[in-house]
Amino acid sequence: MSSAKVNQLQLLQQNLESVMLHKQQIESQLTEVNSALTQLEKAEKSYKILGKIMVAASKNELNNSLNEQKEVAEVRLKNFIEQEKKIKENIEEVQKEVVKELKTKKSPKNE
């Protein structure tokens, strides 16, 4: 088995771990935004945090802001899901190549 293939597999695995971590962070952000939107619907007064202070804000303004954040997070999540799928496919391909190489190396020795 060539060391290049091993290195390629390791790199792909690292990339996959990184993408999965980012995906998990985006999912967490989406959960927070959805929770905030739910709480905003129930709230009589609404506030937003600016730096270290909390100021009153209109529900409509906050709702729009949260929905924008939600849309951005959903697009990013979709991209990470696509990246994850492509990386997994690449890993499968390289693994198949490695198995094929191993089989061809073992065949002449057995004869």
Protein backbone atom coordinates (compact mmCIF):
# COMPACT_ATOMS: atom_id res chain seq x y z
CA MET A 1 0.00 0.00 0.00
CA SER A 2 1.48 3.31 -1.01
CA SER A 3 2.17 5.86 1.65
CA ALA A 4 0.55 8.47 -0.59
CA LYS A 5 -2.79 6.66 -0.30
CA VAL A 6 -2.40 6.39 3.47
CA ASN A 7 -1.61 10.09 3.69
CA GLN A 8 -4.56 10.87 1.45
CA LEU A 9 -6.87 8.80 3.68
CA GLN A 10 -5.59 10.53 6.80
CA LEU A 11 -6.08 13.95 5.24
CA LEU A 12 -9.59 13.07 4.11
CA GLN A 13 -10.40 11.78 7.61
CA GLN A 14 -9.14 15.04 9.15
CA ASN A 15 -11.20 17.05 6.69
CA LEU A 16 -14.26 14.97 7.51
CA GLU A 17 -13.78 15.53 11.25
CA SER A 18 -13.43 19.28 10.68
CA VAL A 19 -16.56 19.46 8.52
CA MET A 20 -18.53 17.40 11.02
CA LEU A 21 -17.44 19.71 13.85
CA HIS A 22 -18.50 22.81 11.89
CA LYS A 23 -21.78 21.12 11.00
CA GLN A 24 -22.42 20.38 14.66
CA GLN A 25 -21.72 24.03 15.58
CA ILE A 26 -24.17 25.25 12.93
CA GLU A 27 -26.81 22.80 14.16
CA SER A 28 -26.32 24.19 17.65
CA GLN A 29 -26.72 27.75 16.35
CA LEU A 30 -29.90 26.76 14.54
CA THR A 31 -31.29 25.25 17.74
CA GLU A 32 -30.52 28.47 19.62
CA VAL A 33 -32.10 30.67 16.94
CA ASN A 34 -35.22 28.50 16.79
CA SER A 35 -35.49 28.63 20.57
CA ALA A 36 -35.09 32.42 20.53
CA LEU A 37 -37.80 32.73 17.87
CA THR A 38 -40.15 30.60 19.97
CA GLN A 39 -39.45 32.66 23.10
CA LEU A 40 -39.86 35.91 21.16
CA GLU A 41 -43.38 34.89 20.13
CA LYS A 42 -44.34 34.42 23.80
CA ALA A 43 -42.61 37.54 25.12
CA GLU A 44 -44.46 40.75 25.89
CA LYS A 45 -41.31 42.88 25.70
CA SER A 46 -38.21 42.17 23.71
CA TYR A 47 -34.57 43.11 24.18
CA LYS A 48 -31.32 42.61 22.36
CA ILE A 49 -27.77 42.58 23.64
CA LEU A 50 -25.38 45.21 22.31
CA GLY A 51 -21.90 44.63 23.63
CA LYS A 52 -22.32 44.38 27.39
CA ILE A 53 -25.72 46.02 27.67
CA MET A 54 -29.28 44.95 26.96
CA VAL A 55 -31.54 47.41 25.16
CA ALA A 56 -35.22 47.33 24.26
CA ALA A 57 -35.94 46.35 20.67
CA SER A 58 -39.06 45.83 18.63
CA LYS A 59 -40.25 42.27 18.27
CA ASN A 60 -40.47 42.76 14.50
CA GLU A 61 -36.84 43.91 14.30
CA LEU A 62 -35.63 40.98 16.40
CA ASN A 63 -37.80 38.53 14.49
CA ASN A 64 -36.35 39.72 11.17
CA SER A 65 -32.81 39.53 12.52
CA LEU A 66 -33.30 36.03 13.91
CA ASN A 67 -34.91 34.82 10.69
CA GLU A 68 -31.94 36.16 8.71
CA GLN A 69 -29.57 34.32 11.06
CA LYS A 70 -31.65 31.19 10.63
CA GLU A 71 -31.53 31.41 6.82
CA VAL A 72 -27.75 31.90 6.82
CA ALA A 73 -27.28 28.98 9.23
CA GLU A 74 -29.51 26.71 7.12
CA VAL A 75 -27.51 27.52 3.97
CA ARG A 76 -24.23 26.89 5.79
CA LEU A 77 -25.59 23.63 7.21
CA LYS A 78 -26.65 22.49 3.74
CA ASN A 79 -23.14 23.24 2.44
CA PHE A 80 -21.49 21.32 5.27
CA ILE A 81 -23.79 18.35 4.66
CA GLU A 82 -22.80 18.35 0.98
CA GLN A 83 -19.10 18.61 1.87
CA GLU A 84 -19.45 15.76 4.35
CA LYS A 85 -21.10 13.58 1.71
CA LYS A 86 -18.38 14.31 -0.87
CA ILE A 87 -15.57 13.63 1.59
CA LYS A 88 -17.16 10.31 2.63
CA GLU A 89 -17.44 9.33 -1.04
CA ASN A 90 -13.75 10.22 -1.56
CA ILE A 91 -12.77 8.17 1.48
CA GLU A 92 -14.68 5.18 0.09
CA GLU A 93 -12.95 5.51 -3.27
CA VAL A 94 -9.48 5.69 -1.74
CA GLN A 95 -10.25 2.75 0.56
CA LYS A 96 -11.35 0.68 -2.45
CA GLU A 97 -8.12 1.60 -4.25
CA VAL A 98 -6.08 0.56 -1.21
CA VAL A 99 -7.92 -2.77 -0.93
CA LYS A 100 -7.38 -3.37 -4.65
CA GLU A 101 -3.66 -2.62 -4.28
CA LEU A 102 -3.41 -5.00 -1.33
CA LYS A 103 -5.14 -7.78 -3.26
CA THR A 104 -2.86 -7.37 -6.27
CA LYS A 105 0.22 -7.39 -4.04
CA LYS A 106 -0.90 -10.55 -2.24
CA SER A 107 -1.84 -12.47 -5.40
CA PRO A 108 1.69 -12.91 -6.83
CA LYS A 109 3.03 -14.08 -3.45
CA ASN A 110 0.39 -16.80 -3.17
CA GLU A 111 1.24 -18.33 -6.55
